[in-house]
Amino acid sequence: MSAAVRHALVTGGGQGIGAAVVQALRAQGMRVTLLGRRLPVLQAVVDTDPEHLHAVTADVSNPAEVAQAVVSARERFGPVQVLVNNAGQALSAPFHKMDMALWQQMLSVNLTGTMVCTQAVLPDLLAAGWGRIVNVASTAGQVGYAYVSAYCAAKHGVVGLTRSLALELATKGITVNAVCPGYTETDIVRESIDRVVAKTGRTPEQAMAEFVKSNPQGRLVQPRQVADAVAWLCGDGAAAVTGQSISVSGGEVM
């Protein structure tokens, strides 16, 4: 199957890592559907290349909304061959103060959303006998971090789902992998820094230093660096790579 005719669906594709993934897949010649909750954010990316990009809206944890979004995606670009589960959210709280609403939100967005979107497009991949599923997890799916226990639990779940599904699909021409970024220069990290400043009185520079100290390279990962790893996993050259969780974290996880 030629990469030029492949159709990729990227959740959370309007900004940050997702937007970078969209551009990296377009550079490979794919047509890309962006899925998210905020149409204006998605449309701003689509407007850069409306012939090859398409936007659909859905809450990734809502099966009915996702199913309808996938129907729209197919109507525009045909069956999906590549799925990048990038939509995510990170909220923090000390474990003893964490309420059920925060716990459920982290599981719904980060883990259930990955399951729902994968189930929605898997028939297309099976019918084609070829497919790529890449789950954007986190180093929080490989190690633990204090004060984000719900987020870590969800991302560990994504890594486990990745491994199990990779085994189920190993003989079907479909690979399933996870990319695990460390702290990346995205809105999620910027908002986290703002919360640290508001709660602790630290300066933005001091808060940033806390975020980058775990990275041996001493810096934030850039979205395009994560996107390049995703794009490689979506190509033919990664056909023998499945069930892996690739850390893109400057050496934080080895």
C-alpha atoms as a PDB file:
ATOM      1  CA  MET A   1       0.000   0.000   0.000  1.00  0.00           C
ATOM      2  CA  SER A   2       1.440   3.348  -1.002  1.00  0.00           C
ATOM      3  CA  ALA A   3       1.910   5.879   1.806  1.00  0.00           C
ATOM      4  CA  ALA A   4       0.490   8.499  -0.555  1.00  0.00           C
ATOM      5  CA  VAL A   5      -3.005   7.007  -0.237  1.00  0.00           C
ATOM      6  CA  ARG A   6      -2.941   6.273   3.472  1.00  0.00           C
ATOM      7  CA  HIS A   7      -5.464   7.928   5.752  1.00  0.00           C
ATOM      8  CA  ALA A   8      -4.368   8.745   9.299  1.00  0.00           C
ATOM      9  CA  LEU A   9      -6.604   9.736  12.193  1.00  0.00           C
ATOM     10  CA  VAL A  10      -4.917  11.798  14.920  1.00  0.00           C
ATOM     11  CA  THR A  11      -6.771  12.521  18.145  1.00  0.00           C
ATOM     12  CA  GLY A  12      -5.948  15.753  19.924  1.00  0.00           C
ATOM     13  CA  GLY A  13      -4.519  16.923  16.625  1.00  0.00           C
ATOM     14  CA  GLY A  14      -5.110  20.648  17.030  1.00  0.00           C
ATOM     15  CA  GLN A  15      -2.114  21.626  19.109  1.00  0.00           C
ATOM     16  CA  GLY A  16       1.104  20.511  20.760  1.00  0.00           C
ATOM     17  CA  ILE A  17       2.310  17.015  19.995  1.00  0.00           C
ATOM     18  CA  GLY A  18      -0.844  16.238  18.011  1.00  0.00           C
ATOM     19  CA  ALA A  19      -0.396  19.146  15.619  1.00  0.00           C
ATOM     20  CA  ALA A  20       3.257  18.200  15.158  1.00  0.00           C
ATOM     21  CA  VAL A  21       2.225  14.609  14.376  1.00  0.00           C
ATOM     22  CA  VAL A  22      -0.244  15.862  11.775  1.00  0.00           C
ATOM     23  CA  GLN A  23       2.514  17.768  10.000  1.00  0.00           C
ATOM     24  CA  ALA A  24       4.935  14.827  10.191  1.00  0.00           C
ATOM     25  CA  LEU A  25       2.392  12.441   8.665  1.00  0.00           C
ATOM     26  CA  ARG A  26       1.518  14.935   5.942  1.00  0.00           C
ATOM     27  CA  ALA A  27       5.221  15.091   5.112  1.00  0.00           C
ATOM     28  CA  GLN A  28       4.978  11.330   4.437  1.00  0.00           C
ATOM     29  CA  GLY A  29       2.147  11.970   1.978  1.00  0.00           C
ATOM     30  CA  MET A  30      -0.749  10.856   4.166  1.00  0.00           C
ATOM     31  CA  ARG A  31      -4.150  12.451   4.314  1.00  0.00           C
ATOM     32  CA  VAL A  32      -4.976  13.240   7.930  1.00  0.00           C
ATOM     33  CA  THR A  33      -8.182  13.601   9.895  1.00  0.00           C
ATOM     34  CA  LEU A  34      -7.828  15.578  13.113  1.00  0.00           C
ATOM     35  CA  LEU A  35     -10.197  14.629  15.937  1.00  0.00           C
ATOM     36  CA  GLY A  36     -10.783  16.758  19.017  1.00  0.00           C
ATOM     37  CA  ARG A  37     -13.381  18.605  21.058  1.00  0.00           C
ATOM     38  CA  ARG A  38     -12.725  22.164  19.865  1.00  0.00           C
ATOM     39  CA  LEU A  39     -13.437  22.681  16.184  1.00  0.00           C
ATOM     40  CA  PRO A  40     -11.841  26.173  15.900  1.00  0.00           C
ATOM     41  CA  VAL A  41      -8.522  24.806  17.194  1.00  0.00           C
ATOM     42  CA  LEU A  42      -8.644  21.883  14.772  1.00  0.00           C
ATOM     43  CA  GLN A  43      -9.760  24.047  11.875  1.00  0.00           C
ATOM     44  CA  ALA A  44      -6.807  26.383  12.311  1.00  0.00           C
ATOM     45  CA  VAL A  45      -4.524  23.444  11.490  1.00  0.00           C
ATOM     46  CA  VAL A  46      -6.763  22.186   8.669  1.00  0.00           C
ATOM     47  CA  ASP A  47      -6.716  25.625   7.038  1.00  0.00           C
ATOM     48  CA  THR A  48      -2.973  25.239   6.428  1.00  0.00           C
ATOM     49  CA  ASP A  49      -3.689  22.384   3.967  1.00  0.00           C
ATOM     50  CA  PRO A  50      -7.451  21.929   3.447  1.00  0.00           C
ATOM     51  CA  GLU A  51      -7.043  19.555   0.523  1.00  0.00           C
ATOM     52  CA  HIS A  52      -5.292  16.927   2.645  1.00  0.00           C
ATOM     53  CA  LEU A  53      -6.516  17.675   6.183  1.00  0.00           C
ATOM     54  CA  HIS A  54      -9.976  17.252   7.696  1.00  0.00           C
ATOM     55  CA  ALA A  55     -11.410  18.020  11.152  1.00  0.00           C
ATOM     56  CA  VAL A  56     -14.022  16.088  13.122  1.00  0.00           C
ATOM     57  CA  THR A  57     -15.228  16.706  16.675  1.00  0.00           C
ATOM     58  CA  ALA A  58     -15.799  14.166  19.415  1.00  0.00           C
ATOM     59  CA  ASP A  59     -15.117  13.414  23.053  1.00  0.00           C
ATOM     60  CA  VAL A  60     -12.711  10.477  22.746  1.00  0.00           C
ATOM     61  CA  SER A  61     -14.320   8.719  25.716  1.00  0.00           C
ATOM     62  CA  ASN A  62     -17.787   8.807  24.110  1.00  0.00           C
ATOM     63  CA  PRO A  63     -18.242   5.810  21.766  1.00  0.00           C
ATOM     64  CA  ALA A  64     -21.233   7.284  19.922  1.00  0.00           C
ATOM     65  CA  GLU A  65     -19.470  10.575  19.203  1.00  0.00           C
ATOM     66  CA  VAL A  66     -16.302   8.808  18.087  1.00  0.00           C
ATOM     67  CA  ALA A  67     -18.240   6.447  15.831  1.00  0.00           C
ATOM     68  CA  GLN A  68     -19.934   9.362  14.086  1.00  0.00           C
ATOM     69  CA  ALA A  69     -16.606  11.192  13.743  1.00  0.00           C
ATOM     70  CA  VAL A  70     -15.036   8.130  12.120  1.00  0.00           C
ATOM     71  CA  VAL A  71     -17.939   7.942   9.655  1.00  0.00           C
ATOM     72  CA  SER A  72     -17.214  11.555   8.674  1.00  0.00           C
ATOM     73  CA  ALA A  73     -13.517  10.784   8.357  1.00  0.00           C
ATOM     74  CA  ARG A  74     -14.209   7.845   6.045  1.00  0.00           C
ATOM     75  CA  GLU A  75     -16.557   9.912   3.901  1.00  0.00           C
ATOM     76  CA  ARG A  76     -13.767  12.422   3.334  1.00  0.00           C
ATOM     77  CA  PHE A  77     -10.659  10.273   2.910  1.00  0.00           C
ATOM     78  CA  GLY A  78     -11.795   6.643   2.922  1.00  0.00           C
ATOM     79  CA  PRO A  79     -10.929   3.888   5.410  1.00  0.00           C
ATOM     80  CA  VAL A  80      -8.404   4.653   8.147  1.00  0.00           C
ATOM     81  CA  GLN A  81      -5.044   2.871   8.032  1.00  0.00           C
ATOM     82  CA  VAL A  82      -3.144   4.798  10.719  1.00  0.00           C
ATOM     83  CA  LEU A  83      -4.388   5.787  14.170  1.00  0.00           C
ATOM     84  CA  VAL A  84      -2.489   8.034  16.559  1.00  0.00           C
ATOM     85  CA  ASN A  85      -4.138   8.161  19.981  1.00  0.00           C
ATOM     86  CA  ASN A  86      -2.724  11.453  21.195  1.00  0.00           C
ATOM     87  CA  ALA A  87      -5.611  13.089  23.072  1.00  0.00           C
ATOM     88  CA  GLY A  88      -4.733  13.415  26.733  1.00  0.00           C
ATOM     89  CA  GLN A  89      -5.030  15.473  29.848  1.00  0.00           C
ATOM     90  CA  ALA A  90      -2.946  15.757  33.012  1.00  0.00           C
ATOM     91  CA  LEU A  91      -4.337  16.914  36.352  1.00  0.00           C
ATOM     92  CA  SER A  92      -2.512  16.739  39.660  1.00  0.00           C
ATOM     93  CA  ALA A  93      -3.475  16.314  43.301  1.00  0.00           C
ATOM     94  CA  PRO A  94      -1.973  14.658  46.378  1.00  0.00           C
ATOM     95  CA  PHE A  95      -3.374  11.146  46.529  1.00  0.00           C
ATOM     96  CA  HIS A  96      -5.158  11.673  49.845  1.00  0.00           C
ATOM     97  CA  LYS A  97      -6.926  14.754  48.434  1.00  0.00           C
ATOM     98  CA  MET A  98      -7.766  13.305  45.022  1.00  0.00           C
ATOM     99  CA  ASP A  99     -11.511  12.983  44.460  1.00  0.00           C
ATOM    100  CA  MET A 100     -13.339  10.446  42.345  1.00  0.00           C
ATOM    101  CA  ALA A 101     -14.101  13.015  39.652  1.00  0.00           C
ATOM    102  CA  LEU A 102     -10.394  13.644  38.980  1.00  0.00           C
ATOM    103  CA  TRP A 103      -9.653   9.907  38.997  1.00  0.00           C
ATOM    104  CA  GLN A 104     -12.432   9.147  36.533  1.00  0.00           C
ATOM    105  CA  GLN A 105     -11.506  12.066  34.262  1.00  0.00           C
ATOM    106  CA  MET A 106      -7.896  10.910  33.957  1.00  0.00           C
ATOM    107  CA  LEU A 107      -8.961   7.363  33.144  1.00  0.00           C
ATOM    108  CA  SER A 108     -11.666   8.479  30.717  1.00  0.00           C
ATOM    109  CA  VAL A 109      -9.545  10.833  28.642  1.00  0.00           C
ATOM    110  CA  ASN A 110      -6.212   9.030  28.708  1.00  0.00           C
ATOM    111  CA  LEU A 111      -7.138   5.334  28.810  1.00  0.00           C
ATOM    112  CA  THR A 112     -10.776   4.831  27.866  1.00  0.00           C
ATOM    113  CA  GLY A 113     -10.380   7.283  24.981  1.00  0.00           C
ATOM    114  CA  THR A 114      -7.533   5.194  23.596  1.00  0.00           C
ATOM    115  CA  MET A 115      -9.687   2.062  23.749  1.00  0.00           C
ATOM    116  CA  VAL A 116     -12.749   3.720  22.211  1.00  0.00           C
ATOM    117  CA  CYS A 117     -10.903   5.248  19.263  1.00  0.00           C
ATOM    118  CA  THR A 118      -8.993   2.042  18.586  1.00  0.00           C
ATOM    119  CA  GLN A 119     -12.159  -0.041  18.534  1.00  0.00           C
ATOM    120  CA  ALA A 120     -13.771   2.464  16.179  1.00  0.00           C
ATOM    121  CA  VAL A 121     -11.091   2.239  13.474  1.00  0.00           C
ATOM    122  CA  LEU A 122      -9.840  -1.323  13.938  1.00  0.00           C
ATOM    123  CA  PRO A 123     -12.293  -2.811  11.402  1.00  0.00           C
ATOM    124  CA  ASP A 124     -10.701  -0.637   8.700  1.00  0.00           C
ATOM    125  CA  LEU A 125      -7.202  -1.845   9.580  1.00  0.00           C
ATOM    126  CA  LEU A 126      -8.266  -5.486   9.692  1.00  0.00           C
ATOM    127  CA  ALA A 127     -10.026  -5.199   6.341  1.00  0.00           C
ATOM    128  CA  ALA A 128      -6.897  -3.697   4.763  1.00  0.00           C
ATOM    129  CA  GLY A 129      -4.571  -6.279   6.294  1.00  0.00           C
ATOM    130  CA  TRP A 130      -2.258  -3.399   7.171  1.00  0.00           C
ATOM    131  CA  GLY A 131      -2.285  -0.773   9.868  1.00  0.00           C
ATOM    132  CA  ARG A 132      -0.418   1.287  12.403  1.00  0.00           C
ATOM    133  CA  ILE A 133      -1.628   2.217  15.875  1.00  0.00           C
ATOM    134  CA  VAL A 134       0.564   4.545  17.918  1.00  0.00           C
ATOM    135  CA  ASN A 135      -0.497   5.522  21.428  1.00  0.00           C
ATOM    136  CA  VAL A 136       1.056   8.682  22.803  1.00  0.00           C
ATOM    137  CA  ALA A 137       1.559   7.638  26.403  1.00  0.00           C
ATOM    138  CA  SER A 138       4.148   9.315  28.647  1.00  0.00           C
ATOM    139  CA  THR A 139       7.137   8.532  30.773  1.00  0.00           C
ATOM    140  CA  ALA A 140       4.376   8.474  33.414  1.00  0.00           C
ATOM    141  CA  GLY A 141       3.431   5.158  31.805  1.00  0.00           C
ATOM    142  CA  GLN A 142       6.940   3.831  32.489  1.00  0.00           C
ATOM    143  CA  VAL A 143       7.769   5.245  35.927  1.00  0.00           C
ATOM    144  CA  GLY A 144       5.896   6.912  38.776  1.00  0.00           C
ATOM    145  CA  TYR A 145       5.600  10.608  39.567  1.00  0.00           C
ATOM    146  CA  ALA A 146       4.324  12.096  42.802  1.00  0.00           C
ATOM    147  CA  TYR A 147       1.002  13.979  42.847  1.00  0.00           C
ATOM    148  CA  VAL A 148      -0.208  12.611  39.486  1.00  0.00           C
ATOM    149  CA  SER A 149      -1.198   9.106  40.558  1.00  0.00           C
ATOM    150  CA  ALA A 150      -4.373   9.043  38.450  1.00  0.00           C
ATOM    151  CA  TYR A 151      -2.517  10.214  35.348  1.00  0.00           C
ATOM    152  CA  CYS A 152       0.256   7.668  35.948  1.00  0.00           C
ATOM    153  CA  ALA A 153      -2.288   4.884  36.446  1.00  0.00           C
ATOM    154  CA  ALA A 154      -4.008   5.803  33.182  1.00  0.00           C
ATOM    155  CA  LYS A 155      -0.773   6.002  31.197  1.00  0.00           C
ATOM    156  CA  HIS A 156       0.476   2.708  32.642  1.00  0.00           C
ATOM    157  CA  GLY A 157      -2.845   1.322  31.431  1.00  0.00           C
ATOM    158  CA  VAL A 158      -2.150   2.666  27.939  1.00  0.00           C
ATOM    159  CA  VAL A 159       1.213   0.881  27.906  1.00  0.00           C
ATOM    160  CA  GLY A 160      -0.427  -2.377  29.028  1.00  0.00           C
ATOM    161  CA  LEU A 161      -3.159  -2.023  26.402  1.00  0.00           C
ATOM    162  CA  THR A 162      -0.487  -1.413  23.776  1.00  0.00           C
ATOM    163  CA  ARG A 163       1.314  -4.638  24.626  1.00  0.00           C
ATOM    164  CA  SER A 164      -1.826  -6.777  24.756  1.00  0.00           C
ATOM    165  CA  LEU A 165      -3.272  -5.454  21.504  1.00  0.00           C
ATOM    166  CA  ALA A 166       0.089  -5.843  19.760  1.00  0.00           C
ATOM    167  CA  LEU A 167      -0.025  -9.574  20.530  1.00  0.00           C
ATOM    168  CA  GLU A 168      -3.624  -9.903  19.315  1.00  0.00           C
ATOM    169  CA  LEU A 169      -2.824  -8.203  16.012  1.00  0.00           C
ATOM    170  CA  ALA A 170       0.710  -9.493  15.397  1.00  0.00           C
ATOM    171  CA  THR A 171      -0.323 -11.736  12.501  1.00  0.00           C
ATOM    172  CA  LYS A 172      -2.751  -9.225  10.963  1.00  0.00           C
ATOM    173  CA  GLY A 173      -0.261  -6.805   9.405  1.00  0.00           C
ATOM    174  CA  ILE A 174      -0.994  -4.273  12.169  1.00  0.00           C
ATOM    175  CA  THR A 175       1.559  -2.927  14.621  1.00  0.00           C
ATOM    176  CA  VAL A 176       0.702  -1.315  17.951  1.00  0.00           C
ATOM    177  CA  ASN A 177       3.253   0.806  19.775  1.00  0.00           C
ATOM    178  CA  ALA A 178       3.464   3.557  22.364  1.00  0.00           C
ATOM    179  CA  VAL A 179       5.606   6.668  22.369  1.00  0.00           C
ATOM    180  CA  CYS A 180       6.381   7.937  25.852  1.00  0.00           C
ATOM    181  CA  PRO A 181       7.419  11.601  25.928  1.00  0.00           C
ATOM    182  CA  GLY A 182       9.038  13.196  28.918  1.00  0.00           C
ATOM    183  CA  TYR A 183       8.085  16.750  29.821  1.00  0.00           C
ATOM    184  CA  THR A 184       7.390  18.360  26.450  1.00  0.00           C
ATOM    185  CA  GLU A 185       6.943  22.000  25.533  1.00  0.00           C
ATOM    186  CA  THR A 186       3.160  21.936  25.215  1.00  0.00           C
ATOM    187  CA  ASP A 187       0.173  23.691  26.739  1.00  0.00           C
ATOM    188  CA  ILE A 188      -0.144  20.903  29.317  1.00  0.00           C
ATOM    189  CA  VAL A 189       3.330  21.627  30.679  1.00  0.00           C
ATOM    190  CA  ARG A 190       2.870  25.377  30.461  1.00  0.00           C
ATOM    191  CA  GLU A 191      -0.365  25.092  32.444  1.00  0.00           C
ATOM    192  CA  SER A 192       1.359  22.850  34.978  1.00  0.00           C
ATOM    193  CA  ILE A 193       4.093  25.442  35.428  1.00  0.00           C
ATOM    194  CA  ASP A 194       1.449  28.127  35.946  1.00  0.00           C
ATOM    195  CA  ARG A 195      -0.176  26.001  38.663  1.00  0.00           C
ATOM    196  CA  VAL A 196       3.157  25.502  40.426  1.00  0.00           C
ATOM    197  CA  VAL A 197       3.772  29.259  40.365  1.00  0.00           C
ATOM    198  CA  ALA A 198       0.285  29.971  41.709  1.00  0.00           C
ATOM    199  CA  LYS A 199       0.461  27.377  44.491  1.00  0.00           C
ATOM    200  CA  THR A 200       4.052  27.765  45.635  1.00  0.00           C
ATOM    201  CA  GLY A 201       5.020  31.343  44.858  1.00  0.00           C
ATOM    202  CA  ARG A 202       8.020  30.181  42.847  1.00  0.00           C
ATOM    203  CA  THR A 203       9.052  32.123  39.795  1.00  0.00           C
ATOM    204  CA  PRO A 204       8.299  30.624  36.356  1.00  0.00           C
ATOM    205  CA  GLU A 205      12.034  30.008  35.949  1.00  0.00           C
ATOM    206  CA  GLN A 206      12.203  28.101  39.232  1.00  0.00           C
ATOM    207  CA  ALA A 207       9.161  26.062  38.313  1.00  0.00           C
ATOM    208  CA  MET A 208      10.623  25.254  34.898  1.00  0.00           C
ATOM    209  CA  ALA A 209      13.857  24.104  36.538  1.00  0.00           C
ATOM    210  CA  GLU A 210      11.876  21.504  38.488  1.00  0.00           C
ATOM    211  CA  PHE A 211      10.375  20.143  35.282  1.00  0.00           C
ATOM    212  CA  VAL A 212      13.642  19.838  33.343  1.00  0.00           C
ATOM    213  CA  LYS A 213      15.865  18.532  36.142  1.00  0.00           C
ATOM    214  CA  SER A 214      14.755  14.934  35.524  1.00  0.00           C
ATOM    215  CA  ASN A 215      15.852  15.144  31.875  1.00  0.00           C
ATOM    216  CA  PRO A 216      19.596  14.383  31.577  1.00  0.00           C
ATOM    217  CA  GLN A 217      19.694  16.782  28.630  1.00  0.00           C
ATOM    218  CA  GLY A 218      18.401  19.524  30.933  1.00  0.00           C
ATOM    219  CA  ARG A 219      15.585  20.734  28.682  1.00  0.00           C
ATOM    220  CA  LEU A 220      12.013  20.171  27.600  1.00  0.00           C
ATOM    221  CA  VAL A 221      11.377  17.774  24.732  1.00  0.00           C
ATOM    222  CA  GLN A 222      10.085  19.493  21.594  1.00  0.00           C
ATOM    223  CA  PRO A 223       6.783  18.347  20.034  1.00  0.00           C
ATOM    224  CA  ARG A 224       8.397  17.673  16.652  1.00  0.00           C
ATOM    225  CA  GLN A 225      10.867  15.282  18.290  1.00  0.00           C
ATOM    226  CA  VAL A 226       7.954  13.201  19.565  1.00  0.00           C
ATOM    227  CA  ALA A 227       6.199  13.489  16.201  1.00  0.00           C
ATOM    228  CA  ASP A 228       9.252  12.188  14.352  1.00  0.00           C
ATOM    229  CA  ALA A 229       9.202   9.021  16.492  1.00  0.00           C
ATOM    230  CA  VAL A 230       5.474   8.605  15.846  1.00  0.00           C
ATOM    231  CA  ALA A 231       5.929   9.095  12.101  1.00  0.00           C
ATOM    232  CA  TRP A 232       8.665   6.460  11.948  1.00  0.00           C
ATOM    233  CA  LEU A 233       6.447   3.929  13.733  1.00  0.00           C
ATOM    234  CA  CYS A 234       3.700   4.676  11.191  1.00  0.00           C
ATOM    235  CA  GLY A 235       5.893   3.836   8.215  1.00  0.00           C
ATOM    236  CA  ASP A 236       6.933   0.660   6.442  1.00  0.00           C
ATOM    237  CA  GLY A 237      10.390   0.682   8.015  1.00  0.00           C
ATOM    238  CA  ALA A 238       8.942  -0.079  11.447  1.00  0.00           C
ATOM    239  CA  ALA A 239       7.014  -3.164  10.319  1.00  0.00           C
ATOM    240  CA  ALA A 240       8.937  -5.420  12.732  1.00  0.00           C
ATOM    241  CA  VAL A 241       8.431  -3.099  15.714  1.00  0.00           C
ATOM    242  CA  THR A 242       5.318  -3.799  17.767  1.00  0.00           C
ATOM    243  CA  GLY A 243       4.338  -3.834  21.431  1.00  0.00           C
ATOM    244  CA  GLN A 244       7.066  -1.329  22.270  1.00  0.00           C
ATOM    245  CA  SER A 245       7.023   1.732  24.513  1.00  0.00           C
ATOM    246  CA  ILE A 246       9.628   4.114  23.150  1.00  0.00           C
ATOM    247  CA  SER A 247      10.777   6.781  25.581  1.00  0.00           C
ATOM    248  CA  VAL A 248      11.373  10.218  24.044  1.00  0.00           C
ATOM    249  CA  SER A 249      12.715  11.862  27.141  1.00  0.00           C
ATOM    250  CA  GLY A 250      16.335  12.885  26.774  1.00  0.00           C
ATOM    251  CA  GLY A 251      17.473   9.782  28.645  1.00  0.00           C
ATOM    252  CA  GLU A 252      15.177  10.169  31.647  1.00  0.00           C
ATOM    253  CA  VAL A 253      13.978   6.578  31.176  1.00  0.00           C
ATOM    254  CA  MET A 254      16.461   3.961  29.996  1.00  0.00           C
END
